[in-house]
């Protein structure tokens, strides 16, 4: 219940603070390996503008080399042939070097907000390594979850909690509560993610799906037991 309330609170903050989107990227995040190629649909949300609309792409590359992490993406143009309700153009992203990149856009015809209209791109050294990271993450989730049950079973069999330190229980609850708030906030809040990437421009987000979904619902609840 508390996690649901926290999720709703963070979502409301993001909704209030978000600027108006004039374009959208779908998907808004990519995970690919070196030499992989994936497509992204760029949708123009405002049609009451003067066509043609030219859009170029920006890279947060501190090395001033746009081809370091991905291949350069050509400009796209929305003209009379692509007009209508939410016209779409497709771009292609090709990974060249492992790391993290934020792809945004700019245009002389429309005001594009780089705070809300961007693509998060993670380039892994290989798909095998990416899968291995996921597998190890789920294994350690399972191992840690199981580790809480021996004490519970022992207490049940003895019908006693003698030897169990209640300071440990209090600190355990506090620690896992902070752990849950950290993971949930960093995973779902785009504002917090932007602050993280401001400090670690090309780092990879340290919170994965398995850190948020089952860990918060099961792992943290196990620790409370």
C-alpha atoms as a PDB file:
ATOM      1  CA  UNK A   1       0.000   0.000   0.000  1.00  0.00           C
ATOM      2  CA  UNK A   2       2.805   2.395   0.931  1.00  0.00           C
ATOM      3  CA  UNK A   3       4.619   1.638  -2.330  1.00  0.00           C
ATOM      4  CA  UNK A   4       1.468   2.397  -4.327  1.00  0.00           C
ATOM      5  CA  UNK A   5       1.075   5.750  -2.554  1.00  0.00           C
ATOM      6  CA  UNK A   6       4.740   6.584  -3.186  1.00  0.00           C
ATOM      7  CA  UNK A   7       4.428   5.644  -6.866  1.00  0.00           C
ATOM      8  CA  UNK A   8       1.366   7.888  -7.245  1.00  0.00           C
ATOM      9  CA  UNK A   9       3.119  10.773  -5.429  1.00  0.00           C
ATOM     10  CA  UNK A  10       6.203  10.613  -7.672  1.00  0.00           C
ATOM     11  CA  UNK A  11       4.026  10.282 -10.776  1.00  0.00           C
ATOM     12  CA  UNK A  12       2.027  13.399  -9.841  1.00  0.00           C
ATOM     13  CA  UNK A  13       5.217  15.410  -9.307  1.00  0.00           C
ATOM     14  CA  UNK A  14       6.537  14.385 -12.714  1.00  0.00           C
ATOM     15  CA  UNK A  15       3.214  15.197 -14.352  1.00  0.00           C
ATOM     16  CA  UNK A  16       3.052  18.673 -12.827  1.00  0.00           C
ATOM     17  CA  UNK A  17       6.660  19.550 -13.577  1.00  0.00           C
ATOM     18  CA  UNK A  18       6.765  18.131 -17.111  1.00  0.00           C
ATOM     19  CA  UNK A  19       6.934  20.519 -20.059  1.00  0.00           C
ATOM     20  CA  UNK A  20       4.611  20.155 -23.017  1.00  0.00           C
ATOM     21  CA  UNK A  21       5.703  17.556 -25.551  1.00  0.00           C
ATOM     22  CA  UNK A  22       5.673  18.612 -29.193  1.00  0.00           C
ATOM     23  CA  UNK A  23       7.299  15.438 -30.483  1.00  0.00           C
ATOM     24  CA  UNK A  24       7.451  11.940 -29.079  1.00  0.00           C
ATOM     25  CA  UNK A  25       9.898   9.069 -29.387  1.00  0.00           C
ATOM     26  CA  UNK A  26       8.622   5.503 -29.452  1.00  0.00           C
ATOM     27  CA  UNK A  27      10.184   3.628 -27.818  1.00  0.00           C
ATOM     28  CA  UNK A  28      11.519   6.240 -25.379  1.00  0.00           C
ATOM     29  CA  UNK A  29      14.381   3.983 -24.282  1.00  0.00           C
ATOM     30  CA  UNK A  30      16.611   1.582 -26.164  1.00  0.00           C
ATOM     31  CA  UNK A  31      18.892  -1.223 -25.068  1.00  0.00           C
ATOM     32  CA  UNK A  32      21.118  -2.580 -27.804  1.00  0.00           C
ATOM     33  CA  UNK A  33      24.496  -4.178 -28.318  1.00  0.00           C
ATOM     34  CA  UNK A  34      27.412  -2.908 -30.396  1.00  0.00           C
ATOM     35  CA  UNK A  35      26.580  -3.035 -34.139  1.00  0.00           C
ATOM     36  CA  UNK A  36      22.888  -3.644 -33.392  1.00  0.00           C
ATOM     37  CA  UNK A  37      20.345  -1.530 -35.258  1.00  0.00           C
ATOM     38  CA  UNK A  38      16.952  -0.504 -33.878  1.00  0.00           C
ATOM     39  CA  UNK A  39      14.252   1.800 -35.183  1.00  0.00           C
ATOM     40  CA  UNK A  40      12.601   4.679 -33.339  1.00  0.00           C
ATOM     41  CA  UNK A  41       9.414   6.410 -34.470  1.00  0.00           C
ATOM     42  CA  UNK A  42       9.493  10.201 -34.152  1.00  0.00           C
ATOM     43  CA  UNK A  43       5.944  11.528 -33.995  1.00  0.00           C
ATOM     44  CA  UNK A  44       5.051  15.185 -34.478  1.00  0.00           C
ATOM     45  CA  UNK A  45       2.359  16.027 -31.918  1.00  0.00           C
ATOM     46  CA  UNK A  46       1.716  19.598 -33.097  1.00  0.00           C
ATOM     47  CA  UNK A  47       0.200  19.919 -36.566  1.00  0.00           C
ATOM     48  CA  UNK A  48      -0.785  23.608 -36.393  1.00  0.00           C
ATOM     49  CA  UNK A  49       2.674  24.682 -37.547  1.00  0.00           C
ATOM     50  CA  UNK A  50       4.147  25.899 -40.803  1.00  0.00           C
ATOM     51  CA  UNK A  51       5.524  23.036 -42.875  1.00  0.00           C
ATOM     52  CA  UNK A  52       8.098  21.814 -43.681  1.00  0.00           C
ATOM     53  CA  UNK A  53       9.416  21.161 -40.155  1.00  0.00           C
ATOM     54  CA  UNK A  54      13.075  20.176 -39.986  1.00  0.00           C
ATOM     55  CA  UNK A  55      14.319  18.321 -36.919  1.00  0.00           C
ATOM     56  CA  UNK A  56      17.965  17.646 -36.077  1.00  0.00           C
ATOM     57  CA  UNK A  57      19.266  15.499 -33.245  1.00  0.00           C
ATOM     58  CA  UNK A  58      21.496  16.393 -30.305  1.00  0.00           C
ATOM     59  CA  UNK A  59      23.869  14.117 -28.412  1.00  0.00           C
ATOM     60  CA  UNK A  60      25.118  14.619 -24.849  1.00  0.00           C
ATOM     61  CA  UNK A  61      28.575  13.397 -25.868  1.00  0.00           C
ATOM     62  CA  UNK A  62      31.299  14.937 -23.704  1.00  0.00           C
ATOM     63  CA  UNK A  63      33.900  13.739 -26.216  1.00  0.00           C
ATOM     64  CA  UNK A  64      32.389  16.007 -28.903  1.00  0.00           C
ATOM     65  CA  UNK A  65      32.249  12.990 -31.171  1.00  0.00           C
ATOM     66  CA  UNK A  66      28.694  12.106 -32.145  1.00  0.00           C
ATOM     67  CA  UNK A  67      29.780   8.788 -33.631  1.00  0.00           C
ATOM     68  CA  UNK A  68      31.425   7.488 -30.442  1.00  0.00           C
ATOM     69  CA  UNK A  69      28.381   5.710 -28.989  1.00  0.00           C
ATOM     70  CA  UNK A  70      26.020   5.571 -31.978  1.00  0.00           C
ATOM     71  CA  UNK A  71      26.136   6.396 -35.682  1.00  0.00           C
ATOM     72  CA  UNK A  72      25.157   9.933 -36.631  1.00  0.00           C
ATOM     73  CA  UNK A  73      21.404  10.187 -37.240  1.00  0.00           C
ATOM     74  CA  UNK A  74      20.433  12.275 -40.299  1.00  0.00           C
ATOM     75  CA  UNK A  75      17.987  15.164 -39.954  1.00  0.00           C
ATOM     76  CA  UNK A  76      14.351  14.409 -40.671  1.00  0.00           C
ATOM     77  CA  UNK A  77      11.759  16.644 -42.324  1.00  0.00           C
ATOM     78  CA  UNK A  78       8.005  16.684 -41.863  1.00  0.00           C
ATOM     79  CA  UNK A  79       6.598  18.149 -45.079  1.00  0.00           C
ATOM     80  CA  UNK A  80       3.279  18.234 -46.906  1.00  0.00           C
ATOM     81  CA  UNK A  81       3.561  14.530 -47.690  1.00  0.00           C
ATOM     82  CA  UNK A  82       3.825  13.532 -44.051  1.00  0.00           C
ATOM     83  CA  UNK A  83       1.209  15.926 -42.660  1.00  0.00           C
ATOM     84  CA  UNK A  84      -2.021  14.817 -41.088  1.00  0.00           C
ATOM     85  CA  UNK A  85      -2.855  13.760 -37.567  1.00  0.00           C
ATOM     86  CA  UNK A  86       0.428  13.129 -35.715  1.00  0.00           C
ATOM     87  CA  UNK A  87       2.732  12.412 -38.691  1.00  0.00           C
ATOM     88  CA  UNK A  88       5.565   9.960 -38.074  1.00  0.00           C
ATOM     89  CA  UNK A  89       9.138   9.613 -39.310  1.00  0.00           C
ATOM     90  CA  UNK A  90      11.410   6.683 -38.523  1.00  0.00           C
ATOM     91  CA  UNK A  91      15.049   6.966 -37.483  1.00  0.00           C
ATOM     92  CA  UNK A  92      17.558   4.162 -36.979  1.00  0.00           C
ATOM     93  CA  UNK A  93      20.002   3.881 -34.090  1.00  0.00           C
ATOM     94  CA  UNK A  94      23.168   1.801 -34.527  1.00  0.00           C
ATOM     95  CA  UNK A  95      25.342   1.069 -31.491  1.00  0.00           C
ATOM     96  CA  UNK A  96      29.093   1.703 -31.858  1.00  0.00           C
ATOM     97  CA  UNK A  97      30.532   1.809 -28.312  1.00  0.00           C
ATOM     98  CA  UNK A  98      29.308   0.577 -24.924  1.00  0.00           C
ATOM     99  CA  UNK A  99      27.876   3.226 -22.632  1.00  0.00           C
ATOM    100  CA  UNK A 100      24.868   5.466 -22.098  1.00  0.00           C
ATOM    101  CA  UNK A 101      23.590   8.225 -24.345  1.00  0.00           C
ATOM    102  CA  UNK A 102      20.672  10.658 -24.190  1.00  0.00           C
ATOM    103  CA  UNK A 103      19.325  11.596 -27.617  1.00  0.00           C
ATOM    104  CA  UNK A 104      17.293  14.806 -27.919  1.00  0.00           C
ATOM    105  CA  UNK A 105      16.202  17.023 -30.801  1.00  0.00           C
ATOM    106  CA  UNK A 106      15.927  20.644 -31.899  1.00  0.00           C
ATOM    107  CA  UNK A 107      14.069  22.553 -34.585  1.00  0.00           C
ATOM    108  CA  UNK A 108      13.825  26.134 -35.811  1.00  0.00           C
ATOM    109  CA  UNK A 109      10.086  25.790 -36.468  1.00  0.00           C
ATOM    110  CA  UNK A 110       8.944  24.387 -33.120  1.00  0.00           C
ATOM    111  CA  UNK A 111      10.181  24.603 -29.536  1.00  0.00           C
ATOM    112  CA  UNK A 112      11.231  21.101 -28.476  1.00  0.00           C
ATOM    113  CA  UNK A 113      11.784  20.553 -24.762  1.00  0.00           C
ATOM    114  CA  UNK A 114      14.845  18.414 -24.097  1.00  0.00           C
ATOM    115  CA  UNK A 115      13.484  17.749 -20.589  1.00  0.00           C
ATOM    116  CA  UNK A 116      10.591  15.607 -21.793  1.00  0.00           C
ATOM    117  CA  UNK A 117      11.345  14.714 -25.423  1.00  0.00           C
ATOM    118  CA  UNK A 118      14.360  12.421 -25.475  1.00  0.00           C
ATOM    119  CA  UNK A 119      15.494   8.819 -25.916  1.00  0.00           C
ATOM    120  CA  UNK A 120      17.595   6.973 -23.341  1.00  0.00           C
ATOM    121  CA  UNK A 121      20.032   4.694 -25.157  1.00  0.00           C
ATOM    122  CA  UNK A 122      22.063   1.965 -23.439  1.00  0.00           C
ATOM    123  CA  UNK A 123      24.702   0.280 -25.582  1.00  0.00           C
ATOM    124  CA  UNK A 124      26.033  -3.013 -24.175  1.00  0.00           C
ATOM    125  CA  UNK A 125      29.271  -4.694 -25.202  1.00  0.00           C
ATOM    126  CA  UNK A 126      27.295  -7.812 -26.173  1.00  0.00           C
ATOM    127  CA  UNK A 127      23.806  -9.302 -25.828  1.00  0.00           C
ATOM    128  CA  UNK A 128      25.273 -12.252 -23.941  1.00  0.00           C
ATOM    129  CA  UNK A 129      26.708  -9.933 -21.289  1.00  0.00           C
ATOM    130  CA  UNK A 130      23.410  -8.079 -21.008  1.00  0.00           C
ATOM    131  CA  UNK A 131      21.515 -11.348 -20.505  1.00  0.00           C
ATOM    132  CA  UNK A 132      24.109 -12.513 -17.960  1.00  0.00           C
ATOM    133  CA  UNK A 133      23.567  -9.340 -15.925  1.00  0.00           C
ATOM    134  CA  UNK A 134      19.826 -10.009 -15.860  1.00  0.00           C
ATOM    135  CA  UNK A 135      20.284 -13.670 -14.870  1.00  0.00           C
ATOM    136  CA  UNK A 136      22.709 -12.848 -12.036  1.00  0.00           C
ATOM    137  CA  UNK A 137      20.321 -10.147 -10.799  1.00  0.00           C
ATOM    138  CA  UNK A 138      17.400 -12.577 -10.565  1.00  0.00           C
ATOM    139  CA  UNK A 139      19.575 -15.237  -8.903  1.00  0.00           C
ATOM    140  CA  UNK A 140      20.688 -12.854  -6.192  1.00  0.00           C
ATOM    141  CA  UNK A 141      17.080 -11.699  -5.703  1.00  0.00           C
ATOM    142  CA  UNK A 142      16.021 -15.321  -5.151  1.00  0.00           C
ATOM    143  CA  UNK A 143      18.968 -16.081  -2.837  1.00  0.00           C
ATOM    144  CA  UNK A 144      18.370 -13.040  -0.658  1.00  0.00           C
ATOM    145  CA  UNK A 145      14.630 -13.710  -0.482  1.00  0.00           C
ATOM    146  CA  UNK A 146      15.153 -17.321   0.630  1.00  0.00           C
ATOM    147  CA  UNK A 147      17.691 -16.230   3.250  1.00  0.00           C
ATOM    148  CA  UNK A 148      14.945 -14.609   5.353  1.00  0.00           C
ATOM    149  CA  UNK A 149      12.948 -17.812   5.852  1.00  0.00           C
ATOM    150  CA  UNK A 150      15.277 -19.945   8.042  1.00  0.00           C
ATOM    151  CA  UNK A 151      14.878 -17.506  10.961  1.00  0.00           C
ATOM    152  CA  UNK A 152      11.102 -17.436  10.537  1.00  0.00           C
ATOM    153  CA  UNK A 153      10.935 -21.250  10.418  1.00  0.00           C
ATOM    154  CA  UNK A 154      13.204 -21.549  13.458  1.00  0.00           C
ATOM    155  CA  UNK A 155      11.063 -19.149  15.493  1.00  0.00           C
ATOM    156  CA  UNK A 156       7.915 -21.024  14.468  1.00  0.00           C
ATOM    157  CA  UNK A 157       9.325 -24.407  15.464  1.00  0.00           C
ATOM    158  CA  UNK A 158      10.596 -23.146  18.833  1.00  0.00           C
ATOM    159  CA  UNK A 159       7.530 -20.988  19.424  1.00  0.00           C
ATOM    160  CA  UNK A 160      10.026 -18.423  20.698  1.00  0.00           C
ATOM    161  CA  UNK A 161      11.979 -15.383  19.548  1.00  0.00           C
ATOM    162  CA  UNK A 162      14.784 -15.795  22.111  1.00  0.00           C
ATOM    163  CA  UNK A 163      18.094 -14.787  20.585  1.00  0.00           C
ATOM    164  CA  UNK A 164      16.505 -12.542  17.973  1.00  0.00           C
ATOM    165  CA  UNK A 165      17.835  -8.991  18.266  1.00  0.00           C
ATOM    166  CA  UNK A 166      14.997  -6.483  17.908  1.00  0.00           C
ATOM    167  CA  UNK A 167      17.456  -3.687  17.095  1.00  0.00           C
ATOM    168  CA  UNK A 168      18.310  -5.727  14.009  1.00  0.00           C
ATOM    169  CA  UNK A 169      14.625  -5.884  13.058  1.00  0.00           C
ATOM    170  CA  UNK A 170      14.221  -2.115  13.403  1.00  0.00           C
ATOM    171  CA  UNK A 171      17.343  -1.346  11.380  1.00  0.00           C
ATOM    172  CA  UNK A 172      16.344  -3.975   8.808  1.00  0.00           C
ATOM    173  CA  UNK A 173      12.966  -2.360   8.247  1.00  0.00           C
ATOM    174  CA  UNK A 174      14.538   1.103   7.998  1.00  0.00           C
ATOM    175  CA  UNK A 175      17.232  -0.078   5.609  1.00  0.00           C
ATOM    176  CA  UNK A 176      14.884  -1.891   3.249  1.00  0.00           C
ATOM    177  CA  UNK A 177      12.415   0.996   3.310  1.00  0.00           C
ATOM    178  CA  UNK A 178      15.170   3.365   2.133  1.00  0.00           C
ATOM    179  CA  UNK A 179      16.304   0.752  -0.387  1.00  0.00           C
ATOM    180  CA  UNK A 180      12.772   0.516  -1.808  1.00  0.00           C
ATOM    181  CA  UNK A 181      12.341   4.294  -2.056  1.00  0.00           C
ATOM    182  CA  UNK A 182      15.722   4.637  -3.803  1.00  0.00           C
ATOM    183  CA  UNK A 183      14.994   1.937  -6.401  1.00  0.00           C
ATOM    184  CA  UNK A 184      11.445   3.022  -7.092  1.00  0.00           C
ATOM    185  CA  UNK A 185      12.284   6.727  -7.387  1.00  0.00           C
ATOM    186  CA  UNK A 186      15.313   6.211  -9.628  1.00  0.00           C
ATOM    187  CA  UNK A 187      13.463   3.780 -11.892  1.00  0.00           C
ATOM    188  CA  UNK A 188      10.219   5.682 -12.477  1.00  0.00           C
ATOM    189  CA  UNK A 189      11.112   9.360 -11.991  1.00  0.00           C
ATOM    190  CA  UNK A 190      12.514  11.005 -15.130  1.00  0.00           C
ATOM    191  CA  UNK A 191      13.519  14.057 -13.084  1.00  0.00           C
ATOM    192  CA  UNK A 192      15.663  11.950 -10.756  1.00  0.00           C
ATOM    193  CA  UNK A 193      17.106  10.095 -13.741  1.00  0.00           C
ATOM    194  CA  UNK A 194      18.117  13.398 -15.307  1.00  0.00           C
ATOM    195  CA  UNK A 195      19.907  14.368 -12.087  1.00  0.00           C
ATOM    196  CA  UNK A 196      21.706  11.022 -12.099  1.00  0.00           C
ATOM    197  CA  UNK A 197      22.815  11.425 -15.717  1.00  0.00           C
ATOM    198  CA  UNK A 198      23.959  14.985 -15.004  1.00  0.00           C
ATOM    199  CA  UNK A 199      26.513  13.489 -12.582  1.00  0.00           C
ATOM    200  CA  UNK A 200      27.209  10.347 -14.627  1.00  0.00           C
ATOM    201  CA  UNK A 201      26.680  11.462 -18.205  1.00  0.00           C
ATOM    202  CA  UNK A 202      27.384   8.161 -19.866  1.00  0.00           C
ATOM    203  CA  UNK A 203      26.835   5.758 -17.020  1.00  0.00           C
ATOM    204  CA  UNK A 204      24.190   3.055 -17.103  1.00  0.00           C
ATOM    205  CA  UNK A 205      21.183   3.392 -14.788  1.00  0.00           C
ATOM    206  CA  UNK A 206      22.000   1.136 -11.788  1.00  0.00           C
ATOM    207  CA  UNK A 207      18.373   0.075 -11.254  1.00  0.00           C
ATOM    208  CA  UNK A 208      16.913  -2.647 -13.474  1.00  0.00           C
ATOM    209  CA  UNK A 209      13.395  -4.037 -13.732  1.00  0.00           C
ATOM    210  CA  UNK A 210      14.133  -6.867 -11.297  1.00  0.00           C
ATOM    211  CA  UNK A 211      15.214  -4.245  -8.736  1.00  0.00           C
ATOM    212  CA  UNK A 212      11.755  -2.697  -8.846  1.00  0.00           C
ATOM    213  CA  UNK A 213       9.105  -5.289  -9.613  1.00  0.00           C
ATOM    214  CA  UNK A 214       9.575  -8.459  -7.585  1.00  0.00           C
ATOM    215  CA  UNK A 215      12.182  -7.058  -5.220  1.00  0.00           C
ATOM    216  CA  UNK A 216       9.943  -4.294  -3.938  1.00  0.00           C
ATOM    217  CA  UNK A 217       6.845  -6.484  -3.800  1.00  0.00           C
ATOM    218  CA  UNK A 218       8.436  -9.610  -2.335  1.00  0.00           C
ATOM    219  CA  UNK A 219      12.023  -9.076  -1.212  1.00  0.00           C
ATOM    220  CA  UNK A 220      11.311  -6.006   0.956  1.00  0.00           C
ATOM    221  CA  UNK A 221       8.149  -7.599   2.362  1.00  0.00           C
ATOM    222  CA  UNK A 222      10.193 -10.702   3.250  1.00  0.00           C
ATOM    223  CA  UNK A 223      12.636  -8.539   5.172  1.00  0.00           C
ATOM    224  CA  UNK A 224       9.746  -7.133   7.208  1.00  0.00           C
ATOM    225  CA  UNK A 225       8.840 -10.672   8.240  1.00  0.00           C
END
